Amino acid sequence: MEWNLQYGGAQERLPGIIEAVRRHDPDILVLLEFRPERIIEVSLSLAALGYPYILNSQPPPRTNGILIASKAALVQLPEGRRTSSPHRWMEVSLEGSDLRVLAVHVPGASDLAGKMEFWQAIVDYAREAVELRDRRVMVGDLNTGLERDSEATPFLGTEQLSQLLDMGWRDVWREYHQVGREYSWISSSGKGMRTDNALASPHIQHPLWAKYSHQERESGVSDHSVLILDIMDRLNES
C-alpha cells in the first residue's frame, strides 16, 4: 500500500489515516510526505496494528520524507547518494526475499532542477535493474502522469516516465485496467492526474494487479488516493 499523506498527516487527520491502514491491512505500507514530528505517534499506532518493523528516510524537521512499515522484517538498502534529496528515495527488501521495493517522491515544479535530477536518478536506476535482470518494484508519487492519465497538461517528467516503459518496466495499474481512467490526485482547479504509480521491472514476469482506493481522498483524509499493489515477494513462490 502506497499513500501520500499530505504534509505529514495533520493531527486531526491521523485517526483517519490509521483507520485506513487498518481497513486495507497491507503487508508493507509506504507513506509519503511523512514528517519526523509525527514519528512517535505514527510508529506507536502502526505497531499496535501489527507493524513492528518501521523505517524512515530521516527527513529534516518539517520536511516531507518516506516511512515504510512492515509485518515482516525489513532490510533497508543503501541509497548511494543517487539524488540531492535522499529523504525522497528509500529502498527496502524483506528478509530472505529477492524482491527490491523502491519508494520515491519526485520533487514538484517549485524545485525544477531537483525534479530533473531526481528523474535522471530514476532512469539510471531503472536501466540498472534491466541490465542486472533484478526483480524490483518502484512505488510512489511521480508528480507527473502521461497524457492518457491526466485531465490537463501533464507535469514535467512524462518523457522520463515513457523511457521507463520503453525499457520494459510495467505500469501495473495500466496493465491491469487497460483503457480505464482514474486519478489519484486532483488539482485546485479540479483536474485529475494519476501521479501515484507502481512500476515493475521487466524480469517480474508473473501477473500483478493494482487498484486505487479513492474513499480517503474524497473524504479529506488526504489529497491523494491510496494505491494497493499485489505482488509475490519471492521468485520461487507459487
Protein backbone atom coordinates (compact mmCIF):
# COMPACT_ATOMS: atom_id res chain seq x y z
CA MET A 1 0.00 0.00 0.00
CA GLU A 2 1.39 3.41 -1.05
CA TRP A 3 -0.13 6.67 0.16
CA ASN A 4 0.82 10.33 0.11
CA LEU A 5 -0.33 11.69 3.48
CA GLN A 6 -0.42 15.41 2.56
CA TYR A 7 2.06 17.37 4.66
CA GLY A 8 2.71 14.64 7.17
CA GLY A 9 -0.87 13.95 8.17
CA ALA A 10 -2.25 16.68 10.42
CA GLN A 11 -3.21 15.78 13.99
CA GLU A 12 -6.91 15.85 13.21
CA ARG A 13 -6.42 13.51 10.22
CA LEU A 14 -4.26 10.95 12.00
CA PRO A 15 -7.17 8.78 13.26
CA GLY A 16 -8.50 8.55 9.70
CA ILE A 17 -5.06 7.65 8.39
CA ILE A 18 -4.61 4.85 10.91
CA GLU A 19 -8.14 3.58 10.27
CA ALA A 20 -7.41 3.41 6.53
CA VAL A 21 -4.30 1.32 7.19
CA ARG A 22 -6.31 -0.97 9.45
CA ARG A 23 -9.01 -1.37 6.80
CA HIS A 24 -6.68 -2.12 3.89
CA ASP A 25 -4.33 -4.24 6.05
CA PRO A 26 -1.31 -4.31 3.71
CA ASP A 27 1.76 -6.44 4.37
CA ILE A 28 4.01 -3.48 3.55
CA LEU A 29 2.98 0.15 3.97
CA VAL A 30 4.70 3.05 2.18
CA LEU A 31 3.77 6.52 3.45
CA LEU A 32 4.93 9.60 1.54
CA GLU A 33 5.09 13.13 2.94
CA PHE A 34 5.84 11.58 6.30
CA ARG A 35 7.27 14.19 8.69
CA PRO A 36 9.59 13.42 11.61
CA GLU A 37 7.46 15.42 14.04
CA ARG A 38 4.88 12.60 13.82
CA ILE A 39 7.28 9.68 14.27
CA ILE A 40 6.32 8.68 17.83
CA GLU A 41 2.55 8.72 17.46
CA VAL A 42 2.61 7.19 13.98
CA SER A 43 5.03 4.43 14.99
CA LEU A 44 3.08 3.53 18.12
CA SER A 45 -0.18 3.46 16.18
CA LEU A 46 1.28 1.25 13.44
CA ALA A 47 2.92 -1.09 15.95
CA ALA A 48 -0.47 -1.53 17.62
CA LEU A 49 -1.88 -2.58 14.22
CA GLY A 50 0.79 -5.27 13.80
CA TYR A 51 3.61 -3.41 12.07
CA PRO A 52 6.66 -3.85 14.31
CA TYR A 53 9.18 -3.10 11.55
CA ILE A 54 9.28 0.61 10.78
CA LEU A 55 11.94 2.52 8.84
CA ASN A 56 12.01 6.09 7.60
CA SER A 57 14.18 8.17 5.30
CA GLN A 58 15.29 10.57 8.07
CA PRO A 59 13.93 13.79 6.58
CA PRO A 60 14.98 17.10 8.15
CA PRO A 61 12.48 18.77 10.53
CA ARG A 62 9.25 19.94 8.86
CA THR A 63 10.32 18.27 5.61
CA ASN A 64 8.48 15.58 3.65
CA GLY A 65 10.07 12.14 3.76
CA ILE A 66 9.14 8.46 3.47
CA LEU A 67 8.11 5.92 6.11
CA ILE A 68 7.90 2.20 5.36
CA ALA A 69 6.26 -0.20 7.81
CA SER A 70 6.02 -3.96 7.50
CA LYS A 71 4.59 -7.00 9.24
CA ALA A 72 7.80 -8.91 8.41
CA ALA A 73 11.43 -7.94 8.92
CA LEU A 74 12.76 -5.31 6.50
CA VAL A 75 16.24 -4.59 5.22
CA GLN A 76 16.98 -1.02 4.14
CA LEU A 77 19.24 -0.89 1.10
CA PRO A 78 21.86 1.87 0.72
CA GLU A 79 20.72 4.96 -1.17
CA GLY A 80 24.16 5.58 -2.59
CA ARG A 81 23.55 9.35 -2.85
CA ARG A 82 21.69 8.99 -6.12
CA THR A 83 19.98 12.37 -5.59
CA SER A 84 20.39 15.55 -3.59
CA SER A 85 17.04 14.71 -1.93
CA PRO A 86 17.84 11.37 -0.24
CA HIS A 87 14.81 11.67 2.06
CA ARG A 88 12.60 11.31 -1.04
CA TRP A 89 14.23 7.98 -2.04
CA MET A 90 14.09 4.82 0.05
CA GLU A 91 14.69 1.21 -0.99
CA VAL A 92 13.95 -1.89 1.08
CA SER A 93 13.57 -5.64 0.77
CA LEU A 94 12.04 -8.25 3.01
CA GLU A 95 14.49 -10.52 4.76
CA GLY A 96 15.04 -13.57 2.57
CA SER A 97 13.32 -12.03 -0.45
CA ASP A 98 14.80 -11.35 -3.88
CA LEU A 99 12.35 -8.51 -4.46
CA ARG A 100 13.51 -4.91 -4.02
CA VAL A 101 10.95 -2.16 -3.36
CA LEU A 102 11.92 1.42 -4.13
CA ALA A 103 9.71 4.18 -2.74
CA VAL A 104 10.08 7.59 -4.39
CA HIS A 105 8.54 11.02 -4.10
CA VAL A 106 9.60 13.10 -7.10
CA PRO A 107 10.02 16.82 -6.28
CA GLY A 108 7.44 19.26 -7.62
CA ALA A 109 7.74 22.13 -10.06
CA SER A 110 8.92 24.52 -7.32
CA ASP A 111 12.25 22.64 -7.45
CA LEU A 112 12.64 22.19 -11.19
CA ALA A 113 16.37 21.41 -11.14
CA GLY A 114 15.85 18.94 -8.30
CA LYS A 115 12.98 17.30 -10.16
CA MET A 116 15.03 16.77 -13.31
CA GLU A 117 17.97 15.45 -11.29
CA PHE A 118 15.64 13.07 -9.45
CA TRP A 119 14.13 11.78 -12.69
CA GLN A 120 17.60 11.14 -14.09
CA ALA A 121 18.37 9.06 -10.99
CA ILE A 122 15.16 7.09 -11.54
CA VAL A 123 16.03 6.45 -15.20
CA ASP A 124 19.54 5.30 -14.22
CA TYR A 125 18.08 3.03 -11.53
CA ALA A 126 15.57 1.55 -13.98
CA ARG A 127 18.28 0.88 -16.57
CA GLU A 128 20.47 -0.75 -13.92
CA ALA A 129 17.64 -3.12 -12.95
CA VAL A 130 17.15 -4.15 -16.58
CA GLU A 131 20.85 -4.79 -17.08
CA LEU A 132 21.14 -6.82 -13.86
CA ARG A 133 17.85 -8.67 -14.52
CA ASP A 134 16.73 -7.80 -10.99
CA ARG A 135 13.21 -8.06 -9.62
CA ARG A 136 12.38 -4.53 -8.49
CA VAL A 137 9.20 -2.57 -7.91
CA MET A 138 9.02 1.21 -7.82
CA VAL A 139 6.11 2.82 -5.98
CA GLY A 140 5.38 6.43 -5.20
CA ASP A 141 4.23 9.84 -6.27
CA LEU A 142 5.92 10.61 -9.59
CA ASN A 143 4.50 14.15 -9.70
CA THR A 144 3.55 13.63 -13.32
CA GLY A 145 1.29 11.46 -15.46
CA LEU A 146 1.12 10.52 -19.09
CA GLU A 147 -1.39 12.36 -21.26
CA ARG A 148 -3.88 9.49 -21.09
CA ASP A 149 -3.73 9.70 -17.29
CA SER A 150 -4.22 13.46 -17.00
CA GLU A 151 -7.18 15.78 -17.45
CA ALA A 152 -4.89 18.78 -18.02
CA THR A 153 -1.39 19.30 -19.37
CA PRO A 154 0.84 16.75 -17.56
CA PHE A 155 3.65 17.96 -15.32
CA LEU A 156 7.28 17.65 -16.43
CA GLY A 157 8.53 14.08 -16.25
CA THR A 158 6.40 12.40 -18.90
CA GLU A 159 9.40 11.90 -21.19
CA GLN A 160 11.34 10.11 -18.45
CA LEU A 161 8.32 8.03 -17.43
CA SER A 162 7.93 6.98 -21.08
CA GLN A 163 11.61 5.98 -21.10
CA LEU A 164 10.95 3.53 -18.25
CA LEU A 165 8.04 1.97 -20.11
CA ASP A 166 10.14 1.74 -23.27
CA MET A 167 12.76 -0.19 -21.25
CA GLY A 168 10.10 -2.77 -20.42
CA TRP A 169 9.08 -1.55 -16.98
CA ARG A 170 5.42 -2.36 -16.37
CA ASP A 171 2.80 0.18 -15.28
CA VAL A 172 0.94 -2.30 -13.10
CA TRP A 173 -2.33 -0.37 -12.79
CA ARG A 174 -2.49 0.41 -16.51
CA GLU A 175 -1.62 -3.18 -17.44
CA TYR A 176 -4.44 -4.48 -15.26
CA HIS A 177 -7.07 -1.85 -16.12
CA GLN A 178 -6.23 -1.33 -19.81
CA VAL A 179 -8.38 1.62 -21.01
CA GLY A 180 -9.58 2.67 -17.55
CA ARG A 181 -9.21 6.26 -16.34
CA GLU A 182 -8.76 7.03 -12.65
CA TYR A 183 -6.92 9.84 -10.90
CA SER A 184 -5.03 9.64 -7.63
CA TRP A 185 -4.74 13.42 -7.17
CA ILE A 186 -6.98 16.37 -8.13
CA SER A 187 -5.57 19.86 -8.70
CA SER A 188 -7.04 23.02 -7.14
CA SER A 189 -8.73 23.67 -10.50
CA GLY A 190 -10.44 20.27 -10.32
CA LYS A 191 -8.29 18.48 -12.91
CA GLY A 192 -7.26 14.91 -12.12
CA MET A 193 -3.94 13.15 -12.68
CA ARG A 194 -2.71 9.64 -11.91
CA THR A 195 0.50 10.64 -10.16
CA ASP A 196 0.75 7.66 -7.75
CA ASN A 197 2.19 4.65 -9.53
CA ALA A 198 3.51 1.13 -9.18
CA LEU A 199 6.09 0.13 -11.79
CA ALA A 200 7.56 -3.37 -12.02
CA SER A 201 10.88 -4.24 -13.64
CA PRO A 202 10.78 -6.39 -16.81
CA HIS A 203 12.07 -9.53 -15.07
CA ILE A 204 8.98 -9.75 -12.87
CA GLN A 205 7.03 -11.89 -15.29
CA HIS A 206 4.06 -13.20 -13.34
CA PRO A 207 0.67 -11.41 -13.29
CA LEU A 208 0.33 -8.39 -11.00
CA TRP A 209 -2.58 -6.18 -10.09
CA ALA A 210 -3.06 -2.75 -8.62
CA LYS A 211 -6.06 -0.63 -7.67
CA TYR A 212 -6.84 2.72 -6.06
CA SER A 213 -8.99 3.44 -3.05
CA HIS A 214 -10.44 6.94 -3.55
CA GLN A 215 -12.51 6.97 -0.37
CA GLU A 216 -9.71 8.52 1.67
CA ARG A 217 -9.12 11.36 -0.79
CA GLU A 218 -12.81 12.05 -1.31
CA SER A 219 -13.42 12.24 2.45
CA GLY A 220 -10.48 14.63 3.01
CA VAL A 221 -8.20 12.29 4.96
CA SER A 222 -5.51 13.13 2.37
CA ASP A 223 -5.34 14.85 -1.00
CA HIS A 224 -4.12 11.59 -2.59
CA SER A 225 -5.86 8.28 -3.16
CA VAL A 226 -4.44 5.05 -1.73
CA LEU A 227 -2.62 2.74 -4.15
CA ILE A 228 -2.80 -1.01 -3.47
CA LEU A 229 -0.38 -3.40 -5.21
CA ASP A 230 -0.28 -7.19 -5.05
CA ILE A 231 2.96 -9.00 -5.85
CA MET A 232 4.76 -12.17 -4.79
CA ASP A 233 7.86 -11.37 -2.75
CA ARG A 234 9.87 -14.42 -3.86
CA LEU A 235 10.69 -15.61 -7.35
CA ASN A 236 10.05 -19.26 -6.49
CA GLU A 237 6.74 -18.65 -4.74
CA SER A 238 3.79 -20.44 -6.32
